[in-house]
């Protein structure tokens, strides 16, 4: 008998897209927060804390870009 909808695969896709969507949103919001915190701390002449905030923002941007690249690779390989 033919199967019209592969329920297990559909559920896996929905869960993966929700996790990826929420996860990438959180990581990118950390990058935005880091940039805003850097500007605030730099204005208040706290260079060490500003540098840490900039580092956090940079790492979050790198993770965001890596996730986008990974998504493109996964989509193009199927």
Protein backbone atom coordinates (compact mmCIF):
# COMPACT_ATOMS: atom_id res chain seq x y z
CA UNK A 1 0.00 0.00 0.00
CA UNK A 2 1.33 3.43 -0.91
CA UNK A 3 2.03 5.91 1.85
CA UNK A 4 0.87 9.44 1.11
CA UNK A 5 2.64 11.17 4.01
CA UNK A 6 5.74 9.90 5.78
CA UNK A 7 4.70 10.97 9.27
CA UNK A 8 7.99 10.18 11.00
CA UNK A 9 10.07 12.12 8.48
CA UNK A 10 7.61 15.01 8.54
CA UNK A 11 7.77 15.18 12.35
CA UNK A 12 11.59 15.08 12.28
CA UNK A 13 11.61 17.95 9.78
CA UNK A 14 9.22 20.05 11.86
CA UNK A 15 11.23 19.50 15.06
CA UNK A 16 14.55 20.23 13.33
CA UNK A 17 13.21 23.43 11.79
CA UNK A 18 11.80 24.63 15.11
CA UNK A 19 15.05 23.93 16.95
CA UNK A 20 17.12 25.58 14.22
CA UNK A 21 14.80 28.58 13.95
CA UNK A 22 14.70 29.27 17.67
CA UNK A 23 18.39 28.46 18.12
CA UNK A 24 19.64 30.75 15.36
CA UNK A 25 17.37 33.53 16.60
CA UNK A 26 18.78 33.25 20.12
CA UNK A 27 22.39 33.18 18.89
CA UNK A 28 21.90 36.20 16.64
CA UNK A 29 20.16 38.10 19.45
CA UNK A 30 23.23 37.42 21.62
CA UNK A 31 25.34 39.00 18.87
CA UNK A 32 23.12 42.09 18.83
CA UNK A 33 23.23 42.27 22.64
CA UNK A 34 27.04 41.98 22.57
CA UNK A 35 27.38 44.85 20.10
CA UNK A 36 25.04 47.06 22.13
CA UNK A 37 26.85 46.15 25.35
CA UNK A 38 30.21 46.87 23.70
CA UNK A 39 29.07 50.36 22.69
CA UNK A 40 27.71 51.06 26.16
CA UNK A 41 30.80 49.80 27.99
CA UNK A 42 33.16 51.54 25.58
CA UNK A 43 31.32 54.81 26.20
CA UNK A 44 31.72 54.30 29.96
CA UNK A 45 35.47 53.75 29.54
CA UNK A 46 35.52 50.09 30.58
CA UNK A 47 37.82 48.63 27.93
CA UNK A 48 38.21 45.11 29.34
CA UNK A 49 34.47 44.52 29.68
CA UNK A 50 33.90 46.15 26.28
CA UNK A 51 36.44 43.80 24.74
CA UNK A 52 34.73 40.79 26.26
CA UNK A 53 31.36 41.96 24.92
CA UNK A 54 32.88 42.45 21.46
CA UNK A 55 34.41 38.97 21.63
CA UNK A 56 31.05 37.48 22.56
CA UNK A 57 29.37 39.34 19.70
CA UNK A 58 32.02 38.14 17.26
CA UNK A 59 31.65 34.53 18.35
CA UNK A 60 27.88 34.73 18.06
CA UNK A 61 28.17 36.13 14.52
CA UNK A 62 30.57 33.31 13.60
CA UNK A 63 28.18 30.70 14.98
CA UNK A 64 25.32 32.29 13.05
CA UNK A 65 27.29 32.24 9.81
CA UNK A 66 28.44 28.65 10.40
CA UNK A 67 24.85 27.58 10.99
CA UNK A 68 23.69 29.24 7.77
CA UNK A 69 26.48 27.54 5.81
CA UNK A 70 25.66 24.19 7.41
CA UNK A 71 22.01 24.63 6.49
CA UNK A 72 22.89 25.38 2.89
CA UNK A 73 25.19 22.35 2.72
CA UNK A 74 22.51 20.06 4.16
CA UNK A 75 19.84 21.39 1.81
CA UNK A 76 22.01 21.04 -1.28
CA UNK A 77 23.15 17.52 -0.42
CA UNK A 78 19.65 16.00 -0.40
